[in-house]
Structures are given as structure tokens and as C-alpha cells.
Amino acid sequence: SKVVDVLTDSRRVKPGSLFVAIRGIQSDGHQFVSEVLAKGGVAVVDRNHSQNSPGILKVHSTREIVGKIASRFWNHPTQQFRLIGVTGTNGKTTTTFLLDQVWAKMGFVTGLLGTVTNKIGQEVMESSLTTPGPTELQEMFHRMVQHRVALCAMEVSSIALDQDRTLGSHFALGVFTNFTQDHLDYHLTMENYFESKIKFFKNYQLPCIVVNLDDDKANSILKTNPDSKQLTFSLRKSNAAFHVLS
């Protein structure tokens, strides 16, 4: 039967919905599986889920697969325009806004996703999360395709990377701004925080990366991506691809 939508919110399920049960911090989607089946939906669950019945599909990890399912449902939208991801503790919003303004001045139809604003062409919306959830994200990318967006600048947060919200997205380029203390209420240690951040450079097969050579973590990022085209920038080091002339 035809899948009519991909959801992580059981309240929105209707006949034909594909519901992906996610274990969150506040609640666990697996507890709503019976409700989903009763509404005529199909449930994707983690393989250690106890229930076995028609309409349940078991996978290794729902978190790791939900973005890929949503991307496929929306016909792989990020392969139809150029998506630039910006990660780092500071400067994500500034960098994405500057990119968006430069591209707009060049006449491109643009998308923007981040802490302050989400924008699809001329449509501007207030943002609730730095990086949207995986199903919402792929639907927004689909809308960008419909609006003929050519380039999208996106903030990629460490929490989103830790929760695999951006899996299923194809990035044309990844930018690393810097790494300083932040989000320790979530990550608990700086080591955990950096491990989440570097997932962007380890797991996304980025064709090109742009790295701040002045940051202590720059070499770790560069070593992680030996097969990518590497561009560096610096305020102090003249061996960077882009540096400030004194």
C-alpha cells in the first residue's frame, strides 16, 4: 500500500502513514505503536522493541534511518540543489546569513535554515530549533525544490548531529567555524561535544570542507576528510587558502 507521509508524531498518524518511533529525552515513540496500528499506520521500531505484529518493521536504529526514509519519501531533495552546512560553536548564524545575502545579490533563489530564521525563497518563518527534526527537515528541503531554490545555507548544531537529525541529507560543502565550550548541559563533557561536532565531517562524505585554521581542532577536522577538497581561512596564518593581509 502507498505511504502517504512519514511522521515521528503519533498524533498526526492516519491510514497510510509511516510512523518512525524515536526514543527521545522526554518520551519514547515506541509506547505509541499500538495506537499507530489502530489508526491504520505502519510503525518502524528499533529491533529490540518487544512487540511483533503485522504493520511493524524492525530496524537496527530508528534514529539512524528516519532521515534517510524521509529523504527517500520526498525524492532526495538535497540532491536537487546545493546545500552548505555550517557547524561550530560560534559564528554559524552570521556565516549562513552572509552566504544567503551574497547569493541573493548574485540573483540566486536561496534557502536558509538556522537559529533565528528559516527561509524558503521569499517565504520567511520564525525558527524554533537551530536544526529542525529529521522529517520536518526533509519536507522543508522538498519545499525548497518546489520553490526552485539553487543554494541553501544551513546551521548544523552538535545536538542535531548527536541525534542524527541531518542523516539523509546530501551536503555539497561543510564549514567549520570554531570549537569552544557550549551545550555541556546536553553533552556533559567537551570530549562528547567534539565527538558530536566531528560527526559532520566523518559521516557525510563532504565533497569540500572549509576550515578555520586558527582553531585548535582544525587539524583534527582536516585529517578526518583527506579525500575532500580542503579550503582553509585564517586571521593569522599566511599558509591558509584565505588569510588577512596585514
C-alpha atoms as a PDB file:
ATOM      1  CA  SER A   1       0.000   0.000   0.000  1.00  0.00           C
ATOM      2  CA  LYS A   2       1.087   3.574  -0.664  1.00  0.00           C
ATOM      3  CA  VAL A   3       2.854   5.578   2.074  1.00  0.00           C
ATOM      4  CA  VAL A   4       1.142   8.973   2.373  1.00  0.00           C
ATOM      5  CA  ASP A   5       3.537  10.609   4.861  1.00  0.00           C
ATOM      6  CA  VAL A   6       6.470   9.924   7.197  1.00  0.00           C
ATOM      7  CA  LEU A   7       5.951  11.013  10.816  1.00  0.00           C
ATOM      8  CA  THR A   8       7.523  10.864  14.259  1.00  0.00           C
ATOM      9  CA  ASP A   9       4.416  12.347  15.946  1.00  0.00           C
ATOM     10  CA  SER A  10       1.803   9.622  16.586  1.00  0.00           C
ATOM     11  CA  ARG A  11      -0.965  12.213  16.976  1.00  0.00           C
ATOM     12  CA  ARG A  12      -0.763  13.053  13.260  1.00  0.00           C
ATOM     13  CA  VAL A  13      -0.952   9.437  12.038  1.00  0.00           C
ATOM     14  CA  LYS A  14      -3.717   8.491   9.581  1.00  0.00           C
ATOM     15  CA  PRO A  15      -4.260   5.464   7.302  1.00  0.00           C
ATOM     16  CA  GLY A  16      -1.153   5.093   5.124  1.00  0.00           C
ATOM     17  CA  SER A  17       1.173   6.976   7.484  1.00  0.00           C
ATOM     18  CA  LEU A  18       4.641   5.563   8.116  1.00  0.00           C
ATOM     19  CA  PHE A  19       5.395   6.280  11.775  1.00  0.00           C
ATOM     20  CA  VAL A  20       9.004   6.084  12.942  1.00  0.00           C
ATOM     21  CA  ALA A  21       9.259   5.523  16.704  1.00  0.00           C
ATOM     22  CA  ILE A  22      12.059   7.633  18.187  1.00  0.00           C
ATOM     23  CA  ARG A  23      13.386   7.324  21.733  1.00  0.00           C
ATOM     24  CA  GLY A  24      13.602  10.929  22.910  1.00  0.00           C
ATOM     25  CA  ILE A  25      14.701  12.619  26.123  1.00  0.00           C
ATOM     26  CA  GLN A  26      11.123  13.421  27.201  1.00  0.00           C
ATOM     27  CA  SER A  27       9.180  10.497  25.695  1.00  0.00           C
ATOM     28  CA  ASP A  28       9.584   7.295  23.684  1.00  0.00           C
ATOM     29  CA  GLY A  29       7.631   6.921  20.436  1.00  0.00           C
ATOM     30  CA  HIS A  30       7.662   3.135  20.870  1.00  0.00           C
ATOM     31  CA  GLN A  31       4.940   3.442  23.542  1.00  0.00           C
ATOM     32  CA  PHE A  32       2.504   4.720  20.872  1.00  0.00           C
ATOM     33  CA  VAL A  33       2.937   1.828  18.407  1.00  0.00           C
ATOM     34  CA  SER A  34      -0.426   0.153  19.240  1.00  0.00           C
ATOM     35  CA  GLU A  35      -2.202   3.489  18.743  1.00  0.00           C
ATOM     36  CA  VAL A  36      -0.471   3.939  15.359  1.00  0.00           C
ATOM     37  CA  LEU A  37      -1.501   0.471  14.168  1.00  0.00           C
ATOM     38  CA  ALA A  38      -5.107   1.086  15.285  1.00  0.00           C
ATOM     39  CA  LYS A  39      -5.193   4.248  13.147  1.00  0.00           C
ATOM     40  CA  GLY A  40      -4.080   2.311  10.057  1.00  0.00           C
ATOM     41  CA  GLY A  41      -0.436   3.369  10.112  1.00  0.00           C
ATOM     42  CA  VAL A  42       2.735   1.314   9.732  1.00  0.00           C
ATOM     43  CA  ALA A  43       5.305   1.572  12.545  1.00  0.00           C
ATOM     44  CA  VAL A  44       9.082   1.433  12.189  1.00  0.00           C
ATOM     45  CA  VAL A  45      10.675   0.450  15.511  1.00  0.00           C
ATOM     46  CA  ASP A  46      14.075  -0.377  16.978  1.00  0.00           C
ATOM     47  CA  ARG A  47      14.890  -4.075  16.694  1.00  0.00           C
ATOM     48  CA  ASN A  48      14.795  -4.601  20.479  1.00  0.00           C
ATOM     49  CA  HIS A  49      11.142  -3.494  20.636  1.00  0.00           C
ATOM     50  CA  SER A  50       9.145  -6.326  22.230  1.00  0.00           C
ATOM     51  CA  GLN A  51       6.003  -6.189  20.074  1.00  0.00           C
ATOM     52  CA  ASN A  52       5.734  -8.320  16.911  1.00  0.00           C
ATOM     53  CA  SER A  53       2.699  -7.963  14.650  1.00  0.00           C
ATOM     54  CA  PRO A  54       1.697  -7.061  11.071  1.00  0.00           C
ATOM     55  CA  GLY A  55       2.377  -3.411  10.382  1.00  0.00           C
ATOM     56  CA  ILE A  56       5.608  -3.308  12.394  1.00  0.00           C
ATOM     57  CA  LEU A  57       9.004  -3.024  10.698  1.00  0.00           C
ATOM     58  CA  LYS A  58      12.079  -3.577  12.857  1.00  0.00           C
ATOM     59  CA  VAL A  59      15.386  -1.813  12.104  1.00  0.00           C
ATOM     60  CA  HIS A  60      18.743  -1.553  13.867  1.00  0.00           C
ATOM     61  CA  SER A  61      18.149   2.083  14.896  1.00  0.00           C
ATOM     62  CA  THR A  62      15.156   4.271  14.071  1.00  0.00           C
ATOM     63  CA  ARG A  63      17.194   7.401  14.801  1.00  0.00           C
ATOM     64  CA  GLU A  64      19.777   6.489  12.181  1.00  0.00           C
ATOM     65  CA  ILE A  65      17.215   5.644   9.498  1.00  0.00           C
ATOM     66  CA  VAL A  66      14.407   8.199   9.914  1.00  0.00           C
ATOM     67  CA  GLY A  67      16.124  10.999   7.953  1.00  0.00           C
ATOM     68  CA  LYS A  68      17.014   8.582   5.154  1.00  0.00           C
ATOM     69  CA  ILE A  69      13.400   7.348   4.963  1.00  0.00           C
ATOM     70  CA  ALA A  70      12.092  10.932   4.859  1.00  0.00           C
ATOM     71  CA  SER A  71      14.640  11.909   2.198  1.00  0.00           C
ATOM     72  CA  ARG A  72      13.584   8.990   0.017  1.00  0.00           C
ATOM     73  CA  PHE A  73       9.877   9.792   0.559  1.00  0.00           C
ATOM     74  CA  TRP A  74      10.482  13.365  -0.667  1.00  0.00           C
ATOM     75  CA  ASN A  75      12.577  12.144  -3.653  1.00  0.00           C
ATOM     76  CA  HIS A  76      16.033  13.010  -2.239  1.00  0.00           C
ATOM     77  CA  PRO A  77      15.540  16.812  -2.328  1.00  0.00           C
ATOM     78  CA  THR A  78      19.077  17.790  -1.274  1.00  0.00           C
ATOM     79  CA  GLN A  79      20.459  16.215  -4.437  1.00  0.00           C
ATOM     80  CA  GLN A  80      18.442  18.759  -6.436  1.00  0.00           C
ATOM     81  CA  PHE A  81      20.127  21.934  -5.098  1.00  0.00           C
ATOM     82  CA  ARG A  82      23.401  22.787  -3.341  1.00  0.00           C
ATOM     83  CA  LEU A  83      23.271  22.500   0.446  1.00  0.00           C
ATOM     84  CA  ILE A  84      26.023  24.114   2.528  1.00  0.00           C
ATOM     85  CA  GLY A  85      26.238  23.069   6.196  1.00  0.00           C
ATOM     86  CA  VAL A  86      27.899  25.313   8.786  1.00  0.00           C
ATOM     87  CA  THR A  87      28.922  23.890  12.155  1.00  0.00           C
ATOM     88  CA  GLY A  88      30.986  25.245  15.058  1.00  0.00           C
ATOM     89  CA  THR A  89      30.340  26.790  18.473  1.00  0.00           C
ATOM     90  CA  ASN A  90      30.235  30.414  17.298  1.00  0.00           C
ATOM     91  CA  GLY A  91      29.547  32.130  14.000  1.00  0.00           C
ATOM     92  CA  LYS A  92      27.045  29.698  12.445  1.00  0.00           C
ATOM     93  CA  THR A  93      24.202  32.220  12.190  1.00  0.00           C
ATOM     94  CA  THR A  94      26.445  35.036  10.930  1.00  0.00           C
ATOM     95  CA  THR A  95      28.069  32.801   8.314  1.00  0.00           C
ATOM     96  CA  THR A  96      24.766  31.451   6.972  1.00  0.00           C
ATOM     97  CA  PHE A  97      23.221  34.963   6.813  1.00  0.00           C
ATOM     98  CA  LEU A  98      26.260  36.331   4.951  1.00  0.00           C
ATOM     99  CA  LEU A  99      26.183  33.444   2.470  1.00  0.00           C
ATOM    100  CA  ASP A 100      22.461  33.919   1.906  1.00  0.00           C
ATOM    101  CA  GLN A 101      22.867  37.661   1.272  1.00  0.00           C
ATOM    102  CA  VAL A 102      25.778  37.185  -1.138  1.00  0.00           C
ATOM    103  CA  TRP A 103      23.874  34.561  -3.129  1.00  0.00           C
ATOM    104  CA  ALA A 104      20.716  36.697  -3.193  1.00  0.00           C
ATOM    105  CA  LYS A 105      22.733  39.666  -4.549  1.00  0.00           C
ATOM    106  CA  MET A 106      24.015  37.327  -7.276  1.00  0.00           C
ATOM    107  CA  GLY A 107      20.418  36.593  -8.269  1.00  0.00           C
ATOM    108  CA  PHE A 108      20.055  33.071  -6.859  1.00  0.00           C
ATOM    109  CA  VAL A 109      16.868  31.769  -5.221  1.00  0.00           C
ATOM    110  CA  THR A 110      18.041  30.758  -1.742  1.00  0.00           C
ATOM    111  CA  GLY A 111      17.118  28.756   1.329  1.00  0.00           C
ATOM    112  CA  LEU A 112      18.245  29.449   4.897  1.00  0.00           C
ATOM    113  CA  LEU A 113      17.872  27.231   7.974  1.00  0.00           C
ATOM    114  CA  GLY A 114      19.062  28.205  11.424  1.00  0.00           C
ATOM    115  CA  THR A 115      18.624  29.562  14.932  1.00  0.00           C
ATOM    116  CA  VAL A 116      16.877  32.822  14.033  1.00  0.00           C
ATOM    117  CA  THR A 117      15.103  32.265  10.708  1.00  0.00           C
ATOM    118  CA  ASN A 118      14.061  29.607   8.236  1.00  0.00           C
ATOM    119  CA  LYS A 119      13.655  30.894   4.677  1.00  0.00           C
ATOM    120  CA  ILE A 120      12.448  29.210   1.502  1.00  0.00           C
ATOM    121  CA  GLY A 121      12.827  31.619  -1.401  1.00  0.00           C
ATOM    122  CA  GLN A 122      10.823  34.696  -0.360  1.00  0.00           C
ATOM    123  CA  GLU A 123       8.965  32.884   2.427  1.00  0.00           C
ATOM    124  CA  VAL A 124      10.447  33.654   5.867  1.00  0.00           C
ATOM    125  CA  MET A 125       9.434  31.740   9.014  1.00  0.00           C
ATOM    126  CA  GLU A 126      10.483  32.011  12.644  1.00  0.00           C
ATOM    127  CA  SER A 127      12.747  29.182  13.764  1.00  0.00           C
ATOM    128  CA  SER A 128      12.131  27.054  16.863  1.00  0.00           C
ATOM    129  CA  LEU A 129      15.256  24.835  16.656  1.00  0.00           C
ATOM    130  CA  THR A 130      18.722  25.523  15.227  1.00  0.00           C
ATOM    131  CA  THR A 131      18.296  22.358  13.145  1.00  0.00           C
ATOM    132  CA  PRO A 132      14.736  21.019  12.578  1.00  0.00           C
ATOM    133  CA  GLY A 133      13.763  17.396  13.263  1.00  0.00           C
ATOM    134  CA  PRO A 134      14.583  14.849  10.526  1.00  0.00           C
ATOM    135  CA  THR A 135      11.111  14.507   8.966  1.00  0.00           C
ATOM    136  CA  GLU A 136      10.406  18.265   9.109  1.00  0.00           C
ATOM    137  CA  LEU A 137      13.842  18.949   7.642  1.00  0.00           C
ATOM    138  CA  GLN A 138      13.360  16.773   4.555  1.00  0.00           C
ATOM    139  CA  GLU A 139       9.888  18.238   3.968  1.00  0.00           C
ATOM    140  CA  MET A 140      11.400  21.741   4.085  1.00  0.00           C
ATOM    141  CA  PHE A 141      14.045  20.667   1.562  1.00  0.00           C
ATOM    142  CA  HIS A 142      11.229  19.340  -0.660  1.00  0.00           C
ATOM    143  CA  ARG A 143       9.526  22.743  -0.469  1.00  0.00           C
ATOM    144  CA  MET A 144      12.827  24.349  -1.458  1.00  0.00           C
ATOM    145  CA  VAL A 145      12.898  22.186  -4.592  1.00  0.00           C
ATOM    146  CA  GLN A 146       9.324  23.302  -5.366  1.00  0.00           C
ATOM    147  CA  HIS A 147      10.412  26.952  -4.986  1.00  0.00           C
ATOM    148  CA  ARG A 148      13.402  26.340  -7.293  1.00  0.00           C
ATOM    149  CA  VAL A 149      15.990  27.083  -4.586  1.00  0.00           C
ATOM    150  CA  ALA A 150      19.517  26.826  -6.012  1.00  0.00           C
ATOM    151  CA  LEU A 151      21.566  27.224  -2.819  1.00  0.00           C
ATOM    152  CA  CYS A 152      20.758  26.695   0.865  1.00  0.00           C
ATOM    153  CA  ALA A 153      22.898  27.665   3.868  1.00  0.00           C
ATOM    154  CA  MET A 154      22.111  25.628   6.966  1.00  0.00           C
ATOM    155  CA  GLU A 155      23.288  25.742  10.567  1.00  0.00           C
ATOM    156  CA  VAL A 156      24.177  22.234  11.745  1.00  0.00           C
ATOM    157  CA  SER A 157      24.169  22.023  15.547  1.00  0.00           C
ATOM    158  CA  SER A 158      26.079  19.486  17.631  1.00  0.00           C
ATOM    159  CA  ILE A 159      22.834  18.330  19.277  1.00  0.00           C
ATOM    160  CA  ALA A 160      21.261  17.716  15.847  1.00  0.00           C
ATOM    161  CA  LEU A 161      24.359  15.742  14.810  1.00  0.00           C
ATOM    162  CA  ASP A 162      24.251  13.711  18.024  1.00  0.00           C
ATOM    163  CA  GLN A 163      20.568  12.924  17.342  1.00  0.00           C
ATOM    164  CA  ASP A 164      21.199  12.133  13.632  1.00  0.00           C
ATOM    165  CA  ARG A 165      18.637  14.742  12.523  1.00  0.00           C
ATOM    166  CA  THR A 166      20.593  15.585   9.364  1.00  0.00           C
ATOM    167  CA  LEU A 167      21.224  11.999   8.177  1.00  0.00           C
ATOM    168  CA  GLY A 168      19.732  11.518   4.707  1.00  0.00           C
ATOM    169  CA  SER A 169      20.860  14.991   3.627  1.00  0.00           C
ATOM    170  CA  HIS A 170      23.431  15.468   0.863  1.00  0.00           C
ATOM    171  CA  PHE A 171      25.813  18.370   1.577  1.00  0.00           C
ATOM    172  CA  ALA A 172      27.832  19.970  -1.206  1.00  0.00           C
ATOM    173  CA  LEU A 173      30.147  21.659   1.316  1.00  0.00           C
ATOM    174  CA  GLY A 174      30.786  21.750   5.073  1.00  0.00           C
ATOM    175  CA  VAL A 175      32.127  24.741   7.028  1.00  0.00           C
ATOM    176  CA  PHE A 176      33.851  24.562  10.447  1.00  0.00           C
ATOM    177  CA  THR A 177      33.947  27.904  12.306  1.00  0.00           C
ATOM    178  CA  ASN A 178      35.456  27.086  15.731  1.00  0.00           C
ATOM    179  CA  PHE A 179      35.177  24.974  18.861  1.00  0.00           C
ATOM    180  CA  THR A 180      34.749  26.423  22.359  1.00  0.00           C
ATOM    181  CA  GLN A 181      32.764  25.459  25.453  1.00  0.00           C
ATOM    182  CA  ASP A 182      28.995  25.221  24.958  1.00  0.00           C
ATOM    183  CA  HIS A 183      25.994  22.876  25.365  1.00  0.00           C
ATOM    184  CA  LEU A 184      27.611  20.991  28.273  1.00  0.00           C
ATOM    185  CA  ASP A 185      24.163  20.690  29.878  1.00  0.00           C
ATOM    186  CA  TYR A 186      23.434  18.289  26.976  1.00  0.00           C
ATOM    187  CA  HIS A 187      26.833  16.783  26.061  1.00  0.00           C
ATOM    188  CA  LEU A 188      28.212  16.745  29.669  1.00  0.00           C
ATOM    189  CA  THR A 189      31.884  16.751  28.575  1.00  0.00           C
ATOM    190  CA  MET A 190      33.934  18.642  25.981  1.00  0.00           C
ATOM    191  CA  GLU A 191      35.008  15.278  24.535  1.00  0.00           C
ATOM    192  CA  ASN A 192      31.382  14.270  23.908  1.00  0.00           C
ATOM    193  CA  TYR A 193      30.662  17.716  22.476  1.00  0.00           C
ATOM    194  CA  PHE A 194      33.523  17.480  19.972  1.00  0.00           C
ATOM    195  CA  GLU A 195      32.661  13.882  19.041  1.00  0.00           C
ATOM    196  CA  SER A 196      29.176  15.084  18.100  1.00  0.00           C
ATOM    197  CA  LYS A 197      30.566  18.036  16.152  1.00  0.00           C
ATOM    198  CA  ILE A 198      33.085  15.965  14.168  1.00  0.00           C
ATOM    199  CA  LYS A 199      30.333  13.517  13.086  1.00  0.00           C
ATOM    200  CA  PHE A 200      29.513  16.086  10.397  1.00  0.00           C
ATOM    201  CA  PHE A 201      32.956  15.596   8.868  1.00  0.00           C
ATOM    202  CA  LYS A 202      33.167  11.833   9.492  1.00  0.00           C
ATOM    203  CA  ASN A 203      29.748  10.659   8.336  1.00  0.00           C
ATOM    204  CA  TYR A 204      28.571  12.852   5.453  1.00  0.00           C
ATOM    205  CA  GLN A 205      31.106  12.274   2.634  1.00  0.00           C
ATOM    206  CA  LEU A 206      31.546  16.027   2.162  1.00  0.00           C
ATOM    207  CA  PRO A 207      32.990  16.825  -1.295  1.00  0.00           C
ATOM    208  CA  CYS A 208      34.508  20.067   0.021  1.00  0.00           C
ATOM    209  CA  ILE A 209      35.251  21.447   3.500  1.00  0.00           C
ATOM    210  CA  VAL A 210      36.117  24.986   4.652  1.00  0.00           C
ATOM    211  CA  VAL A 211      38.004  25.106   7.949  1.00  0.00           C
ATOM    212  CA  ASN A 212      39.116  27.869  10.331  1.00  0.00           C
ATOM    213  CA  LEU A 213      42.860  27.207  10.581  1.00  0.00           C
ATOM    214  CA  ASP A 214      43.145  29.372  13.730  1.00  0.00           C
ATOM    215  CA  ASP A 215      41.153  26.889  15.810  1.00  0.00           C
ATOM    216  CA  ASP A 216      42.925  24.157  17.810  1.00  0.00           C
ATOM    217  CA  LYS A 217      40.649  21.495  16.309  1.00  0.00           C
ATOM    218  CA  ALA A 218      41.372  22.458  12.680  1.00  0.00           C
ATOM    219  CA  ASN A 219      43.903  19.683  12.049  1.00  0.00           C
ATOM    220  CA  SER A 220      41.573  17.043  13.526  1.00  0.00           C
ATOM    221  CA  ILE A 221      38.862  18.164  11.089  1.00  0.00           C
ATOM    222  CA  LEU A 222      41.252  18.215   8.118  1.00  0.00           C
ATOM    223  CA  LYS A 223      42.646  14.736   8.921  1.00  0.00           C
ATOM    224  CA  THR A 224      39.108  13.339   9.077  1.00  0.00           C
ATOM    225  CA  ASN A 225      38.477  14.424   5.468  1.00  0.00           C
ATOM    226  CA  PRO A 226      41.593  13.524   3.440  1.00  0.00           C
ATOM    227  CA  ASP A 227      39.545  12.872   0.286  1.00  0.00           C
ATOM    228  CA  SER A 228      37.608  16.165   0.402  1.00  0.00           C
ATOM    229  CA  LYS A 229      38.697  19.344  -1.332  1.00  0.00           C
ATOM    230  CA  GLN A 230      40.054  21.382   1.601  1.00  0.00           C
ATOM    231  CA  LEU A 231      39.928  25.169   1.882  1.00  0.00           C
ATOM    232  CA  THR A 232      41.225  26.982   4.964  1.00  0.00           C
ATOM    233  CA  PHE A 233      40.915  30.537   6.273  1.00  0.00           C
ATOM    234  CA  SER A 234      42.847  32.423   8.947  1.00  0.00           C
ATOM    235  CA  LEU A 235      43.363  35.811  10.561  1.00  0.00           C
ATOM    236  CA  ARG A 236      46.985  34.969  11.432  1.00  0.00           C
ATOM    237  CA  LYS A 237      48.399  32.194   9.240  1.00  0.00           C
ATOM    238  CA  SER A 238      49.573  33.070   5.748  1.00  0.00           C
ATOM    239  CA  ASN A 239      49.578  29.386   4.667  1.00  0.00           C
ATOM    240  CA  ALA A 240      45.747  29.368   4.747  1.00  0.00           C
ATOM    241  CA  ALA A 241      43.942  29.449   1.407  1.00  0.00           C
ATOM    242  CA  PHE A 242      42.291  32.695   2.526  1.00  0.00           C
ATOM    243  CA  HIS A 243      44.087  34.943   5.015  1.00  0.00           C
ATOM    244  CA  VAL A 244      44.086  38.554   6.148  1.00  0.00           C
ATOM    245  CA  LEU A 245      46.846  40.717   4.680  1.00  0.00           C
ATOM    246  CA  SER A 246      48.437  42.940   7.313  1.00  0.00           C
END
